[in-house]
Amino acid sequence: MEQLNVLVFGAGFSGLAAIEAIRWRNPTARVAGTTRDPAKAARLDALGIAAHLFDGAPDPALEDAILGATHILVSIAPGAGGDPVLDAASGIVERAKDLQWIGYYSTIGVYGDAGGDWIDESFPTRALNARIDWRLKAEAQWQALAQSRGVPLAILRLAGIYGPGRSAFDKLRAGTARRIVKPGQVFNRIHNADIGEITALAAARGLEGIFNIADDEPAPPQDVVCHAAALLGIDPPPETDFDTADLPPLVRSFYAGNRRVANGKIKAALGYAMGHPTYRDGLAAILAAESGR
């Protein structure tokens, strides 16, 4: 079997899920990941992941990792100054002679408002705020680089990510969960384990194109909070009307896009069935794992 050399820019929550799935499918894969935090770098090394500190400029060791990579996954968001990976390493990626595939984690936030209707990858994109404008520019730049380099690029537009340690359970236990009600509003979600599995399959098959990564059932946010509370055997927080809720601007901006995002394209491309097709399945799996079942 050909040696797999995987480099993940941003080996955080979803990047680690992808690494885990890739190594499960290919135990001999060599995997490297970046972080800005020396403590996190030590934890990556302890997991057998070659860690590289990256905060805007690749050192010689990271440059060597890029040049030797067969697969590169980018899980770092762009900012006002642009995409930090492209800015620092696009020229090195151009020279990576063994490169076979690039994966880029984007967001379903790039779509405009659909009034709660079902949409797919053909729905027009719209920069509802500066963050989405940065993201769309980064998508286009990665497409240009992949085309110039002659390698397939999979842009994976992720829904709201949740999983162990990052779910409604954690907010309920911390006392920070809120039951915000905006009539007709739904959100799309994706369990982190499904992100990892989809990424591993996409990398193995050299998947190319733009794909939505969301579960099968978009749902009102208050329904998720209520269900999680019921699973914990506690009362949910009281309802709060969206119009009068005291919400940070970033949180309020998420409600500007109301859509049900379809995932049929990625499931057809990979022959994939969601491991956690609804938030109910995902929450049940988290609670079972916590209980050791």
C-alpha atoms as a PDB file:
ATOM      1  CA  MET A   1       0.000   0.000   0.000  1.00  0.00           C
ATOM      2  CA  GLU A   2       1.230   3.471  -0.882  1.00  0.00           C
ATOM      3  CA  GLN A   3       2.470   5.486   2.075  1.00  0.00           C
ATOM      4  CA  LEU A   4      -0.065   8.069   3.212  1.00  0.00           C
ATOM      5  CA  ASN A   5       1.405  11.319   4.537  1.00  0.00           C
ATOM      6  CA  VAL A   6      -1.371  13.517   5.918  1.00  0.00           C
ATOM      7  CA  LEU A   7      -0.960  17.096   7.106  1.00  0.00           C
ATOM      8  CA  VAL A   8      -3.827  18.795   8.941  1.00  0.00           C
ATOM      9  CA  PHE A   9      -3.675  22.560   9.277  1.00  0.00           C
ATOM     10  CA  GLY A  10      -5.631  23.149  12.477  1.00  0.00           C
ATOM     11  CA  ALA A  11      -5.655  19.842  14.350  1.00  0.00           C
ATOM     12  CA  GLY A  12      -8.510  20.848  16.635  1.00  0.00           C
ATOM     13  CA  PHE A  13     -11.917  19.316  17.292  1.00  0.00           C
ATOM     14  CA  SER A  14     -12.797  18.297  13.728  1.00  0.00           C
ATOM     15  CA  GLY A  15      -9.218  17.983  12.503  1.00  0.00           C
ATOM     16  CA  LEU A  16      -8.568  15.367  15.193  1.00  0.00           C
ATOM     17  CA  ALA A  17     -11.753  13.517  14.254  1.00  0.00           C
ATOM     18  CA  ALA A  18     -10.475  13.324  10.686  1.00  0.00           C
ATOM     19  CA  ILE A  19      -7.076  12.091  11.844  1.00  0.00           C
ATOM     20  CA  GLU A  20      -8.670   9.390  13.976  1.00  0.00           C
ATOM     21  CA  ALA A  21     -10.792   8.162  11.070  1.00  0.00           C
ATOM     22  CA  ILE A  22      -7.882   8.258   8.619  1.00  0.00           C
ATOM     23  CA  ARG A  23      -5.647   6.261  10.947  1.00  0.00           C
ATOM     24  CA  TRP A  24      -8.412   3.747  11.625  1.00  0.00           C
ATOM     25  CA  ARG A  25      -8.676   3.105   7.902  1.00  0.00           C
ATOM     26  CA  ASN A  26      -4.931   3.233   7.298  1.00  0.00           C
ATOM     27  CA  PRO A  27      -2.949   2.422  10.476  1.00  0.00           C
ATOM     28  CA  THR A  28       0.385   3.014   8.718  1.00  0.00           C
ATOM     29  CA  ALA A  29      -0.503   6.585   7.735  1.00  0.00           C
ATOM     30  CA  ARG A  30       1.928   9.242   8.854  1.00  0.00           C
ATOM     31  CA  VAL A  31       0.004  12.162  10.261  1.00  0.00           C
ATOM     32  CA  ALA A  32       1.093  15.676  11.185  1.00  0.00           C
ATOM     33  CA  GLY A  33      -0.965  18.559  12.508  1.00  0.00           C
ATOM     34  CA  THR A  34      -0.594  22.220  13.366  1.00  0.00           C
ATOM     35  CA  THR A  35      -1.618  24.224  16.389  1.00  0.00           C
ATOM     36  CA  ARG A  36      -0.795  27.633  17.828  1.00  0.00           C
ATOM     37  CA  ASP A  37      -0.595  26.335  21.402  1.00  0.00           C
ATOM     38  CA  PRO A  38       2.585  24.633  22.718  1.00  0.00           C
ATOM     39  CA  ALA A  39       0.526  22.667  25.271  1.00  0.00           C
ATOM     40  CA  LYS A  40      -1.737  21.352  22.515  1.00  0.00           C
ATOM     41  CA  ALA A  41       1.349  20.514  20.465  1.00  0.00           C
ATOM     42  CA  ALA A  42       2.574  18.320  23.306  1.00  0.00           C
ATOM     43  CA  ARG A  43      -0.795  16.549  23.424  1.00  0.00           C
ATOM     44  CA  LEU A  44      -0.691  15.941  19.674  1.00  0.00           C
ATOM     45  CA  ASP A  45       2.784  14.452  19.958  1.00  0.00           C
ATOM     46  CA  ALA A  46       1.550  12.183  22.748  1.00  0.00           C
ATOM     47  CA  LEU A  47      -1.133  10.909  20.362  1.00  0.00           C
ATOM     48  CA  GLY A  48       1.480  10.009  17.767  1.00  0.00           C
ATOM     49  CA  ILE A  49       0.719  13.074  15.646  1.00  0.00           C
ATOM     50  CA  ALA A  50       3.777  15.049  14.544  1.00  0.00           C
ATOM     51  CA  ALA A  51       2.952  18.502  15.908  1.00  0.00           C
ATOM     52  CA  HIS A  52       3.987  21.786  14.336  1.00  0.00           C
ATOM     53  CA  LEU A  53       3.466  25.215  15.842  1.00  0.00           C
ATOM     54  CA  PHE A  54       1.963  27.455  13.176  1.00  0.00           C
ATOM     55  CA  ASP A  55       0.845  31.020  13.647  1.00  0.00           C
ATOM     56  CA  GLY A  56       1.431  32.619  10.288  1.00  0.00           C
ATOM     57  CA  ALA A  57       4.849  31.422   9.194  1.00  0.00           C
ATOM     58  CA  PRO A  58       5.944  27.810   8.579  1.00  0.00           C
ATOM     59  CA  ASP A  59       9.254  26.800  10.123  1.00  0.00           C
ATOM     60  CA  PRO A  60      11.607  24.442   8.229  1.00  0.00           C
ATOM     61  CA  ALA A  61      10.067  21.326   9.804  1.00  0.00           C
ATOM     62  CA  LEU A  62       6.559  22.355   8.757  1.00  0.00           C
ATOM     63  CA  GLU A  63       7.795  23.235   5.297  1.00  0.00           C
ATOM     64  CA  ASP A  64       9.222  19.715   5.005  1.00  0.00           C
ATOM     65  CA  ALA A  65       5.876  18.284   6.155  1.00  0.00           C
ATOM     66  CA  ILE A  66       4.056  20.244   3.454  1.00  0.00           C
ATOM     67  CA  LEU A  67       6.510  19.193   0.768  1.00  0.00           C
ATOM     68  CA  GLY A  68       6.163  15.530   1.774  1.00  0.00           C
ATOM     69  CA  ALA A  69       2.386  15.490   2.172  1.00  0.00           C
ATOM     70  CA  THR A  70       0.196  13.298   0.001  1.00  0.00           C
ATOM     71  CA  HIS A  71      -2.989  14.735   1.541  1.00  0.00           C
ATOM     72  CA  ILE A  72      -3.534  18.170   3.079  1.00  0.00           C
ATOM     73  CA  LEU A  73      -6.599  19.086   5.135  1.00  0.00           C
ATOM     74  CA  VAL A  74      -7.234  22.710   6.053  1.00  0.00           C
ATOM     75  CA  SER A  75      -9.301  23.382   9.174  1.00  0.00           C
ATOM     76  CA  ILE A  76      -8.301  26.981   9.880  1.00  0.00           C
ATOM     77  CA  ALA A  77     -10.777  29.782   9.266  1.00  0.00           C
ATOM     78  CA  PRO A  78      -9.806  32.888   7.311  1.00  0.00           C
ATOM     79  CA  GLY A  79      -9.749  36.309   8.929  1.00  0.00           C
ATOM     80  CA  ALA A  80      -9.851  39.924   7.843  1.00  0.00           C
ATOM     81  CA  GLY A  81      -6.292  39.569   6.584  1.00  0.00           C
ATOM     82  CA  GLY A  82      -7.109  36.532   4.453  1.00  0.00           C
ATOM     83  CA  ASP A  83      -6.509  32.808   4.720  1.00  0.00           C
ATOM     84  CA  PRO A  84      -3.452  32.251   6.959  1.00  0.00           C
ATOM     85  CA  VAL A  85      -2.509  28.950   5.322  1.00  0.00           C
ATOM     86  CA  LEU A  86      -2.683  30.339   1.807  1.00  0.00           C
ATOM     87  CA  ASP A  87      -0.819  33.477   2.814  1.00  0.00           C
ATOM     88  CA  ALA A  88       2.011  31.545   4.437  1.00  0.00           C
ATOM     89  CA  ALA A  89       2.256  28.314   2.499  1.00  0.00           C
ATOM     90  CA  SER A  90       0.661  28.461  -0.959  1.00  0.00           C
ATOM     91  CA  GLY A  91       4.070  28.605  -2.621  1.00  0.00           C
ATOM     92  CA  ILE A  92       5.200  25.548  -0.665  1.00  0.00           C
ATOM     93  CA  VAL A  93       2.029  23.654  -1.567  1.00  0.00           C
ATOM     94  CA  GLU A  94       2.766  24.415  -5.224  1.00  0.00           C
ATOM     95  CA  ARG A  95       6.072  22.548  -4.813  1.00  0.00           C
ATOM     96  CA  ALA A  96       4.654  19.496  -2.984  1.00  0.00           C
ATOM     97  CA  LYS A  97       5.408  16.908  -5.662  1.00  0.00           C
ATOM     98  CA  ASP A  98       3.642  13.992  -3.916  1.00  0.00           C
ATOM     99  CA  LEU A  99       0.417  15.866  -3.209  1.00  0.00           C
ATOM    100  CA  GLN A 100      -2.690  13.928  -4.257  1.00  0.00           C
ATOM    101  CA  TRP A 101      -5.601  15.696  -2.534  1.00  0.00           C
ATOM    102  CA  ILE A 102      -6.599  18.827  -0.637  1.00  0.00           C
ATOM    103  CA  GLY A 103      -9.561  19.059   1.721  1.00  0.00           C
ATOM    104  CA  TYR A 104     -10.921  22.378   2.931  1.00  0.00           C
ATOM    105  CA  TYR A 105     -13.409  22.801   5.781  1.00  0.00           C
ATOM    106  CA  SER A 106     -15.780  25.638   4.944  1.00  0.00           C
ATOM    107  CA  THR A 107     -19.252  26.375   6.300  1.00  0.00           C
ATOM    108  CA  ILE A 108     -22.861  26.184   5.156  1.00  0.00           C
ATOM    109  CA  GLY A 109     -23.034  29.784   6.332  1.00  0.00           C
ATOM    110  CA  VAL A 110     -21.952  30.774   2.816  1.00  0.00           C
ATOM    111  CA  TYR A 111     -25.520  30.272   1.590  1.00  0.00           C
ATOM    112  CA  GLY A 112     -28.022  33.073   1.695  1.00  0.00           C
ATOM    113  CA  ASP A 113     -31.317  32.896   3.514  1.00  0.00           C
ATOM    114  CA  ALA A 114     -33.795  30.349   2.113  1.00  0.00           C
ATOM    115  CA  GLY A 115     -36.717  31.051   4.404  1.00  0.00           C
ATOM    116  CA  GLY A 116     -36.446  27.584   5.905  1.00  0.00           C
ATOM    117  CA  ASP A 117     -36.666  25.798   2.535  1.00  0.00           C
ATOM    118  CA  TRP A 118     -34.506  22.836   1.537  1.00  0.00           C
ATOM    119  CA  ILE A 119     -31.416  23.786  -0.484  1.00  0.00           C
ATOM    120  CA  ASP A 120     -28.426  21.989  -1.973  1.00  0.00           C
ATOM    121  CA  GLU A 121     -24.993  22.972  -3.292  1.00  0.00           C
ATOM    122  CA  SER A 122     -26.551  24.782  -6.269  1.00  0.00           C
ATOM    123  CA  PHE A 123     -28.172  27.397  -4.016  1.00  0.00           C
ATOM    124  CA  PRO A 124     -26.582  30.850  -4.450  1.00  0.00           C
ATOM    125  CA  THR A 125     -23.950  31.896  -1.943  1.00  0.00           C
ATOM    126  CA  ARG A 126     -24.248  35.236  -0.233  1.00  0.00           C
ATOM    127  CA  ALA A 127     -21.984  37.015   2.201  1.00  0.00           C
ATOM    128  CA  LEU A 128     -24.398  37.883   4.999  1.00  0.00           C
ATOM    129  CA  ASN A 129     -21.490  39.284   7.039  1.00  0.00           C
ATOM    130  CA  ALA A 130     -17.756  39.895   6.821  1.00  0.00           C
ATOM    131  CA  ARG A 131     -16.869  36.430   8.106  1.00  0.00           C
ATOM    132  CA  ILE A 132     -18.752  34.803   5.222  1.00  0.00           C
ATOM    133  CA  ASP A 133     -17.135  37.152   2.718  1.00  0.00           C
ATOM    134  CA  TRP A 134     -13.729  36.028   3.966  1.00  0.00           C
ATOM    135  CA  ARG A 135     -14.802  32.410   3.689  1.00  0.00           C
ATOM    136  CA  LEU A 136     -16.046  32.710   0.112  1.00  0.00           C
ATOM    137  CA  LYS A 137     -12.829  34.412  -0.928  1.00  0.00           C
ATOM    138  CA  ALA A 138     -10.823  31.614   0.706  1.00  0.00           C
ATOM    139  CA  GLU A 139     -12.868  28.944  -1.094  1.00  0.00           C
ATOM    140  CA  ALA A 140     -12.133  30.624  -4.426  1.00  0.00           C
ATOM    141  CA  GLN A 141      -8.431  30.928  -3.639  1.00  0.00           C
ATOM    142  CA  TRP A 142      -8.152  27.258  -2.684  1.00  0.00           C
ATOM    143  CA  GLN A 143      -9.924  26.324  -5.902  1.00  0.00           C
ATOM    144  CA  ALA A 144      -7.433  28.375  -7.886  1.00  0.00           C
ATOM    145  CA  LEU A 145      -4.470  26.817  -6.090  1.00  0.00           C
ATOM    146  CA  ALA A 146      -5.762  23.271  -6.552  1.00  0.00           C
ATOM    147  CA  GLN A 147      -6.371  23.909 -10.240  1.00  0.00           C
ATOM    148  CA  SER A 148      -2.897  25.374 -10.642  1.00  0.00           C
ATOM    149  CA  ARG A 149      -1.369  22.443  -8.787  1.00  0.00           C
ATOM    150  CA  GLY A 150      -3.480  19.893 -10.677  1.00  0.00           C
ATOM    151  CA  VAL A 151      -4.863  18.065  -7.630  1.00  0.00           C
ATOM    152  CA  PRO A 152      -8.483  17.427  -6.581  1.00  0.00           C
ATOM    153  CA  LEU A 153      -9.947  19.729  -3.955  1.00  0.00           C
ATOM    154  CA  ALA A 154     -12.945  18.854  -1.785  1.00  0.00           C
ATOM    155  CA  ILE A 155     -14.614  21.856  -0.191  1.00  0.00           C
ATOM    156  CA  LEU A 156     -16.617  20.449   2.715  1.00  0.00           C
ATOM    157  CA  ARG A 157     -19.205  22.958   3.901  1.00  0.00           C
ATOM    158  CA  LEU A 158     -19.883  22.022   7.501  1.00  0.00           C
ATOM    159  CA  ALA A 159     -23.090  22.547   9.458  1.00  0.00           C
ATOM    160  CA  GLY A 160     -23.049  23.380  13.174  1.00  0.00           C
ATOM    161  CA  ILE A 161     -20.549  21.003  14.751  1.00  0.00           C
ATOM    162  CA  TYR A 162     -21.268  19.103  17.960  1.00  0.00           C
ATOM    163  CA  GLY A 163     -19.889  16.037  19.685  1.00  0.00           C
ATOM    164  CA  PRO A 164     -18.489  14.814  22.998  1.00  0.00           C
ATOM    165  CA  GLY A 165     -17.523  17.787  25.127  1.00  0.00           C
ATOM    166  CA  ARG A 166     -19.255  20.197  22.770  1.00  0.00           C
ATOM    167  CA  SER A 167     -22.999  19.672  22.877  1.00  0.00           C
ATOM    168  CA  ALA A 168     -26.211  20.851  24.503  1.00  0.00           C
ATOM    169  CA  PHE A 169     -25.360  18.604  27.460  1.00  0.00           C
ATOM    170  CA  ASP A 170     -22.314  20.693  28.303  1.00  0.00           C
ATOM    171  CA  LYS A 171     -24.244  23.973  28.198  1.00  0.00           C
ATOM    172  CA  LEU A 172     -27.050  22.553  30.311  1.00  0.00           C
ATOM    173  CA  ARG A 173     -24.604  21.295  32.920  1.00  0.00           C
ATOM    174  CA  ALA A 174     -22.790  24.621  32.946  1.00  0.00           C
ATOM    175  CA  GLY A 175     -26.047  26.513  33.301  1.00  0.00           C
ATOM    176  CA  THR A 176     -25.442  28.470  30.084  1.00  0.00           C
ATOM    177  CA  ALA A 177     -28.005  26.780  27.832  1.00  0.00           C
ATOM    178  CA  ARG A 178     -30.703  29.072  26.451  1.00  0.00           C
ATOM    179  CA  ARG A 179     -33.965  28.192  24.751  1.00  0.00           C
ATOM    180  CA  ILE A 180     -34.190  30.943  22.143  1.00  0.00           C
ATOM    181  CA  VAL A 181     -37.383  30.777  20.098  1.00  0.00           C
ATOM    182  CA  LYS A 182     -37.666  32.347  16.664  1.00  0.00           C
ATOM    183  CA  PRO A 183     -40.764  30.942  14.910  1.00  0.00           C
ATOM    184  CA  GLY A 184     -39.876  28.906  11.832  1.00  0.00           C
ATOM    185  CA  GLN A 185     -36.122  29.006  12.490  1.00  0.00           C
ATOM    186  CA  VAL A 186     -34.122  25.815  12.009  1.00  0.00           C
ATOM    187  CA  PHE A 187     -30.424  25.030  12.187  1.00  0.00           C
ATOM    188  CA  ASN A 188     -28.398  22.290  10.567  1.00  0.00           C
ATOM    189  CA  ARG A 189     -25.990  20.174  12.607  1.00  0.00           C
ATOM    190  CA  ILE A 190     -23.333  17.538  12.101  1.00  0.00           C
ATOM    191  CA  HIS A 191     -21.770  15.184  14.624  1.00  0.00           C
ATOM    192  CA  ASN A 192     -18.001  15.427  14.713  1.00  0.00           C
ATOM    193  CA  ALA A 193     -17.554  11.693  14.139  1.00  0.00           C
ATOM    194  CA  ASP A 194     -19.429  11.976  10.833  1.00  0.00           C
ATOM    195  CA  ILE A 195     -17.118  14.803   9.790  1.00  0.00           C
ATOM    196  CA  GLY A 196     -14.142  12.560  10.482  1.00  0.00           C
ATOM    197  CA  GLU A 197     -15.532   9.564   8.601  1.00  0.00           C
ATOM    198  CA  ILE A 198     -16.566  11.628   5.591  1.00  0.00           C
ATOM    199  CA  THR A 199     -13.170  13.323   5.464  1.00  0.00           C
ATOM    200  CA  ALA A 200     -11.317  10.016   5.626  1.00  0.00           C
ATOM    201  CA  LEU A 201     -13.396   8.588   2.778  1.00  0.00           C
ATOM    202  CA  ALA A 202     -13.049  11.751   0.723  1.00  0.00           C
ATOM    203  CA  ALA A 203      -9.277  11.714   1.131  1.00  0.00           C
ATOM    204  CA  ALA A 204      -8.976   8.033   0.259  1.00  0.00           C
ATOM    205  CA  ARG A 205     -11.023   8.463  -2.910  1.00  0.00           C
ATOM    206  CA  GLY A 206      -9.596  11.794  -4.011  1.00  0.00           C
ATOM    207  CA  LEU A 207     -13.031  13.395  -3.880  1.00  0.00           C
ATOM    208  CA  GLU A 208     -13.361  16.660  -5.782  1.00  0.00           C
ATOM    209  CA  GLY A 209     -16.052  19.313  -5.636  1.00  0.00           C
ATOM    210  CA  ILE A 210     -18.234  21.205  -3.163  1.00  0.00           C
ATOM    211  CA  PHE A 211     -20.259  19.199  -0.662  1.00  0.00           C
ATOM    212  CA  ASN A 212     -22.611  19.981   2.205  1.00  0.00           C
ATOM    213  CA  ILE A 213     -21.805  18.096   5.413  1.00  0.00           C
ATOM    214  CA  ALA A 214     -24.946  18.109   7.547  1.00  0.00           C
ATOM    215  CA  ASP A 215     -27.140  15.518   9.182  1.00  0.00           C
ATOM    216  CA  ASP A 216     -30.523  14.438   7.837  1.00  0.00           C
ATOM    217  CA  GLU A 217     -32.796  16.554  10.032  1.00  0.00           C
ATOM    218  CA  PRO A 218     -32.445  20.312  10.500  1.00  0.00           C
ATOM    219  CA  ALA A 219     -34.333  21.333  13.620  1.00  0.00           C
ATOM    220  CA  PRO A 220     -35.322  24.319  15.773  1.00  0.00           C
ATOM    221  CA  PRO A 221     -32.608  25.032  18.353  1.00  0.00           C
ATOM    222  CA  GLN A 222     -35.060  24.964  21.255  1.00  0.00           C
ATOM    223  CA  ASP A 223     -36.050  21.391  20.366  1.00  0.00           C
ATOM    224  CA  VAL A 224     -32.458  20.246  20.759  1.00  0.00           C
ATOM    225  CA  VAL A 225     -32.147  21.888  24.170  1.00  0.00           C
ATOM    226  CA  CYS A 226     -35.399  20.321  25.359  1.00  0.00           C
ATOM    227  CA  HIS A 227     -34.411  16.870  24.157  1.00  0.00           C
ATOM    228  CA  ALA A 228     -30.989  17.079  25.784  1.00  0.00           C
ATOM    229  CA  ALA A 229     -32.568  18.209  29.059  1.00  0.00           C
ATOM    230  CA  ALA A 230     -35.012  15.298  28.952  1.00  0.00           C
ATOM    231  CA  LEU A 231     -32.138  12.853  28.444  1.00  0.00           C
ATOM    232  CA  LEU A 232     -30.405  14.312  31.485  1.00  0.00           C
ATOM    233  CA  GLY A 233     -33.626  14.218  33.500  1.00  0.00           C
ATOM    234  CA  ILE A 234     -33.650  17.948  34.191  1.00  0.00           C
ATOM    235  CA  ASP A 235     -35.943  20.831  33.335  1.00  0.00           C
ATOM    236  CA  PRO A 236     -35.005  22.851  30.255  1.00  0.00           C
ATOM    237  CA  PRO A 237     -34.353  26.578  30.606  1.00  0.00           C
ATOM    238  CA  PRO A 238     -37.344  28.848  30.039  1.00  0.00           C
ATOM    239  CA  GLU A 239     -38.205  30.022  26.546  1.00  0.00           C
ATOM    240  CA  THR A 240     -36.802  33.387  25.453  1.00  0.00           C
ATOM    241  CA  ASP A 241     -38.203  35.278  22.490  1.00  0.00           C
ATOM    242  CA  PHE A 242     -35.549  35.934  19.861  1.00  0.00           C
ATOM    243  CA  ASP A 243     -36.645  39.508  19.225  1.00  0.00           C
ATOM    244  CA  THR A 244     -36.126  40.543  22.843  1.00  0.00           C
ATOM    245  CA  ALA A 245     -33.245  38.194  23.713  1.00  0.00           C
ATOM    246  CA  ASP A 246     -29.959  39.754  24.777  1.00  0.00           C
ATOM    247  CA  LEU A 247     -27.648  38.038  22.300  1.00  0.00           C
ATOM    248  CA  PRO A 248     -24.105  38.891  21.224  1.00  0.00           C
ATOM    249  CA  PRO A 249     -23.966  40.157  17.621  1.00  0.00           C
ATOM    250  CA  LEU A 250     -22.148  37.015  16.462  1.00  0.00           C
ATOM    251  CA  VAL A 251     -24.830  34.710  17.880  1.00  0.00           C
ATOM    252  CA  ARG A 252     -27.647  36.878  16.512  1.00  0.00           C
ATOM    253  CA  SER A 253     -26.031  36.783  13.059  1.00  0.00           C
ATOM    254  CA  PHE A 254     -26.477  33.007  12.892  1.00  0.00           C
ATOM    255  CA  TYR A 255     -30.249  33.497  12.823  1.00  0.00           C
ATOM    256  CA  ALA A 256     -30.041  35.584   9.628  1.00  0.00           C
ATOM    257  CA  GLY A 257     -29.800  32.427   7.523  1.00  0.00           C
ATOM    258  CA  ASN A 258     -32.753  30.062   7.817  1.00  0.00           C
ATOM    259  CA  ARG A 259     -32.404  26.987   5.594  1.00  0.00           C
ATOM    260  CA  ARG A 260     -32.619  23.226   5.499  1.00  0.00           C
ATOM    261  CA  VAL A 261     -29.370  22.059   3.935  1.00  0.00           C
ATOM    262  CA  ALA A 262     -29.506  18.794   1.986  1.00  0.00           C
ATOM    263  CA  ASN A 263     -26.677  16.258   2.230  1.00  0.00           C
ATOM    264  CA  GLY A 264     -27.588  13.972  -0.671  1.00  0.00           C
ATOM    265  CA  LYS A 265     -24.587  14.889  -2.798  1.00  0.00           C
ATOM    266  CA  ILE A 266     -21.957  13.743  -0.299  1.00  0.00           C
ATOM    267  CA  LYS A 267     -23.896  10.585   0.587  1.00  0.00           C
ATOM    268  CA  ALA A 268     -24.180   9.650  -3.093  1.00  0.00           C
ATOM    269  CA  ALA A 269     -20.544  10.475  -3.841  1.00  0.00           C
ATOM    270  CA  LEU A 270     -19.210   8.293  -1.029  1.00  0.00           C
ATOM    271  CA  GLY A 271     -22.037   5.787  -0.556  1.00  0.00           C
ATOM    272  CA  TYR A 272     -22.183   7.103   2.992  1.00  0.00           C
ATOM    273  CA  ALA A 273     -24.954   6.760   5.562  1.00  0.00           C
ATOM    274  CA  MET A 274     -24.768   9.186   8.457  1.00  0.00           C
ATOM    275  CA  GLY A 275     -23.658   7.549  11.672  1.00  0.00           C
ATOM    276  CA  HIS A 276     -25.703  10.150  13.561  1.00  0.00           C
ATOM    277  CA  PRO A 277     -28.517  11.069  11.154  1.00  0.00           C
ATOM    278  CA  THR A 278     -30.388  13.291  13.638  1.00  0.00           C
ATOM    279  CA  TYR A 279     -29.559  15.289  16.731  1.00  0.00           C
ATOM    280  CA  ARG A 280     -31.416  12.657  18.758  1.00  0.00           C
ATOM    281  CA  ASP A 281     -29.035   9.935  17.540  1.00  0.00           C
ATOM    282  CA  GLY A 282     -26.020  12.127  18.164  1.00  0.00           C
ATOM    283  CA  LEU A 283     -27.031  13.115  21.683  1.00  0.00           C
ATOM    284  CA  ALA A 284     -27.871   9.524  22.569  1.00  0.00           C
ATOM    285  CA  ALA A 285     -24.425   8.413  21.366  1.00  0.00           C
ATOM    286  CA  ILE A 286     -22.698  11.107  23.437  1.00  0.00           C
ATOM    287  CA  LEU A 287     -24.588  10.140  26.581  1.00  0.00           C
ATOM    288  CA  ALA A 288     -23.916   6.428  26.000  1.00  0.00           C
ATOM    289  CA  ALA A 289     -20.189   7.100  25.593  1.00  0.00           C
ATOM    290  CA  GLU A 290     -20.160   9.112  28.813  1.00  0.00           C
ATOM    291  CA  SER A 291     -21.816   6.193  30.598  1.00  0.00           C
ATOM    292  CA  GLY A 292     -19.325   3.726  29.165  1.00  0.00           C
ATOM    293  CA  ARG A 293     -21.987   1.804  27.266  1.00  0.00           C
END
